[in-house]
Amino acid sequence: MDELLNPDGFLVIIAPFAFRDHPDYSLFIQAEWKLASVMGVIDQLNGKIIYQAMARQIGVENIVAKQAQTLDWFLAPDDGHCENRFSGHYLASWTIVITPPRTLPSKAK
């Protein structure tokens, strides 16, 4: 893990997740679940979050629905209730930038 986060650099994590029109799998429920899973990695790296953003991928569901072969995460709106946390009708992502803990140089007196 030490090789993932250079002391002078940053690590950008883009974590995609699917969500759907169901209270148990809504955008914010799924986003919290995905962030919790990513936080385990960040904690192992002893990293500090310096930036994060969540984005919904607008229109991806329309493109995916037209494809000849359906992607494994995609559920059509009429597929009913599915217990799989990885499946959904829409796609979103968390972008998280972390840095290792840094000590600031002390000011000369």
Protein backbone atom coordinates (compact mmCIF):
# COMPACT_ATOMS: atom_id res chain seq x y z
CA MET A 1 0.00 0.00 0.00
CA ASP A 2 2.89 2.37 0.65
CA GLU A 3 3.67 2.40 -3.07
CA LEU A 4 0.19 3.72 -3.93
CA LEU A 5 0.61 7.04 -2.18
CA ASN A 6 3.86 8.88 -2.77
CA PRO A 7 4.77 11.24 0.09
CA ASP A 8 4.97 14.15 -2.36
CA GLY A 9 2.00 13.22 -4.53
CA PHE A 10 -1.73 12.68 -4.69
CA LEU A 11 -3.91 9.69 -5.39
CA VAL A 12 -7.13 10.12 -7.38
CA ILE A 13 -9.79 7.47 -6.88
CA ILE A 14 -12.76 7.39 -9.24
CA ALA A 15 -15.31 4.94 -7.89
CA PRO A 16 -18.32 4.28 -10.14
CA PHE A 17 -21.60 2.95 -8.76
CA ALA A 18 -25.06 2.12 -10.06
CA PHE A 19 -28.32 3.30 -8.50
CA ARG A 20 -32.03 3.06 -9.25
CA ASP A 21 -35.46 4.44 -8.43
CA HIS A 22 -35.90 2.45 -5.24
CA PRO A 23 -35.56 3.81 -1.70
CA ASP A 24 -33.04 1.12 -0.70
CA TYR A 25 -30.82 1.76 -3.74
CA SER A 26 -31.24 5.50 -4.40
CA LEU A 27 -28.42 7.80 -5.44
CA PHE A 28 -27.56 8.89 -1.90
CA ILE A 29 -27.92 5.44 -0.30
CA GLN A 30 -25.63 3.91 -2.93
CA ALA A 31 -23.22 6.86 -2.71
CA GLU A 32 -22.87 6.39 1.06
CA TRP A 33 -22.27 2.67 0.56
CA LYS A 34 -19.60 3.28 -2.11
CA LEU A 35 -17.87 5.97 -0.05
CA ALA A 36 -17.76 3.64 2.97
CA SER A 37 -16.05 0.97 0.87
CA VAL A 38 -13.50 3.47 -0.48
CA MET A 39 -12.84 4.86 3.00
CA GLY A 40 -11.38 1.46 3.97
CA VAL A 41 -8.66 1.94 1.35
CA ILE A 42 -8.07 5.55 2.37
CA ASP A 43 -7.75 4.54 6.03
CA GLN A 44 -5.24 1.80 5.14
CA LEU A 45 -3.16 4.37 3.27
CA ASN A 46 -3.45 6.78 6.19
CA GLY A 47 -4.52 9.32 3.59
CA LYS A 48 -6.24 12.63 3.98
CA ILE A 49 -9.13 13.58 1.68
CA ILE A 50 -8.44 16.95 0.11
CA TYR A 51 -11.19 16.89 -2.54
CA GLN A 52 -14.28 14.84 -3.30
CA ALA A 53 -17.17 15.16 -5.68
CA MET A 54 -20.10 12.99 -6.65
CA ALA A 55 -21.39 13.09 -10.23
CA ARG A 56 -24.35 11.49 -11.95
CA GLN A 57 -23.58 10.30 -15.46
CA ILE A 58 -26.45 11.93 -17.36
CA GLY A 59 -27.95 9.84 -20.17
CA VAL A 60 -25.77 6.74 -19.79
CA GLU A 61 -28.89 4.66 -19.13
CA ASN A 62 -30.26 5.61 -22.55
CA ILE A 63 -27.08 4.59 -24.34
CA VAL A 64 -26.79 1.31 -22.43
CA ALA A 65 -30.44 0.41 -23.04
CA LYS A 66 -29.85 0.61 -26.81
CA GLN A 67 -26.83 -1.71 -26.84
CA ALA A 68 -27.16 -5.20 -28.28
CA GLN A 69 -25.62 -6.74 -25.16
CA THR A 70 -26.75 -5.39 -21.80
CA LEU A 71 -24.02 -4.60 -19.29
CA ASP A 72 -24.04 -6.73 -16.14
CA TRP A 73 -24.79 -3.79 -13.83
CA PHE A 74 -27.72 -2.44 -15.86
CA LEU A 75 -31.35 -2.95 -14.81
CA ALA A 76 -34.24 -1.78 -16.93
CA PRO A 77 -36.76 0.35 -14.97
CA ASP A 78 -39.32 -2.48 -15.08
CA ASP A 79 -36.95 -5.18 -13.76
CA GLY A 80 -38.51 -4.92 -10.30
CA HIS A 81 -36.70 -5.26 -7.02
CA CYS A 82 -33.17 -6.66 -7.23
CA GLU A 83 -31.09 -7.43 -4.14
CA ASN A 84 -27.77 -6.84 -5.92
CA ARG A 85 -26.09 -3.66 -4.63
CA PHE A 86 -23.99 -3.43 -7.79
CA SER A 87 -26.95 -3.22 -10.18
CA GLY A 88 -29.00 -0.20 -11.16
CA HIS A 89 -30.57 1.79 -13.93
CA TYR A 90 -28.39 4.91 -13.58
CA LEU A 91 -24.66 5.42 -13.15
CA ALA A 92 -22.77 7.84 -10.90
CA SER A 93 -19.26 8.14 -9.47
CA TRP A 94 -17.29 9.49 -6.55
CA THR A 95 -14.04 11.27 -7.37
CA ILE A 96 -11.79 11.47 -4.35
CA VAL A 97 -8.31 13.01 -4.16
CA ILE A 98 -6.18 12.01 -1.22
CA THR A 99 -2.76 12.96 -0.02
CA PRO A 100 -0.54 11.37 2.62
CA PRO A 101 -0.39 13.12 5.95
CA ARG A 102 2.22 15.83 5.61
CA THR A 103 4.03 17.78 8.22
CA LEU A 104 4.31 21.44 7.42
CA PRO A 105 7.78 22.94 7.76
CA SER A 106 8.14 24.91 10.94
CA LYS A 107 8.60 28.65 10.59
CA ALA A 108 12.09 29.98 11.28
CA LYS A 109 12.27 32.19 14.34
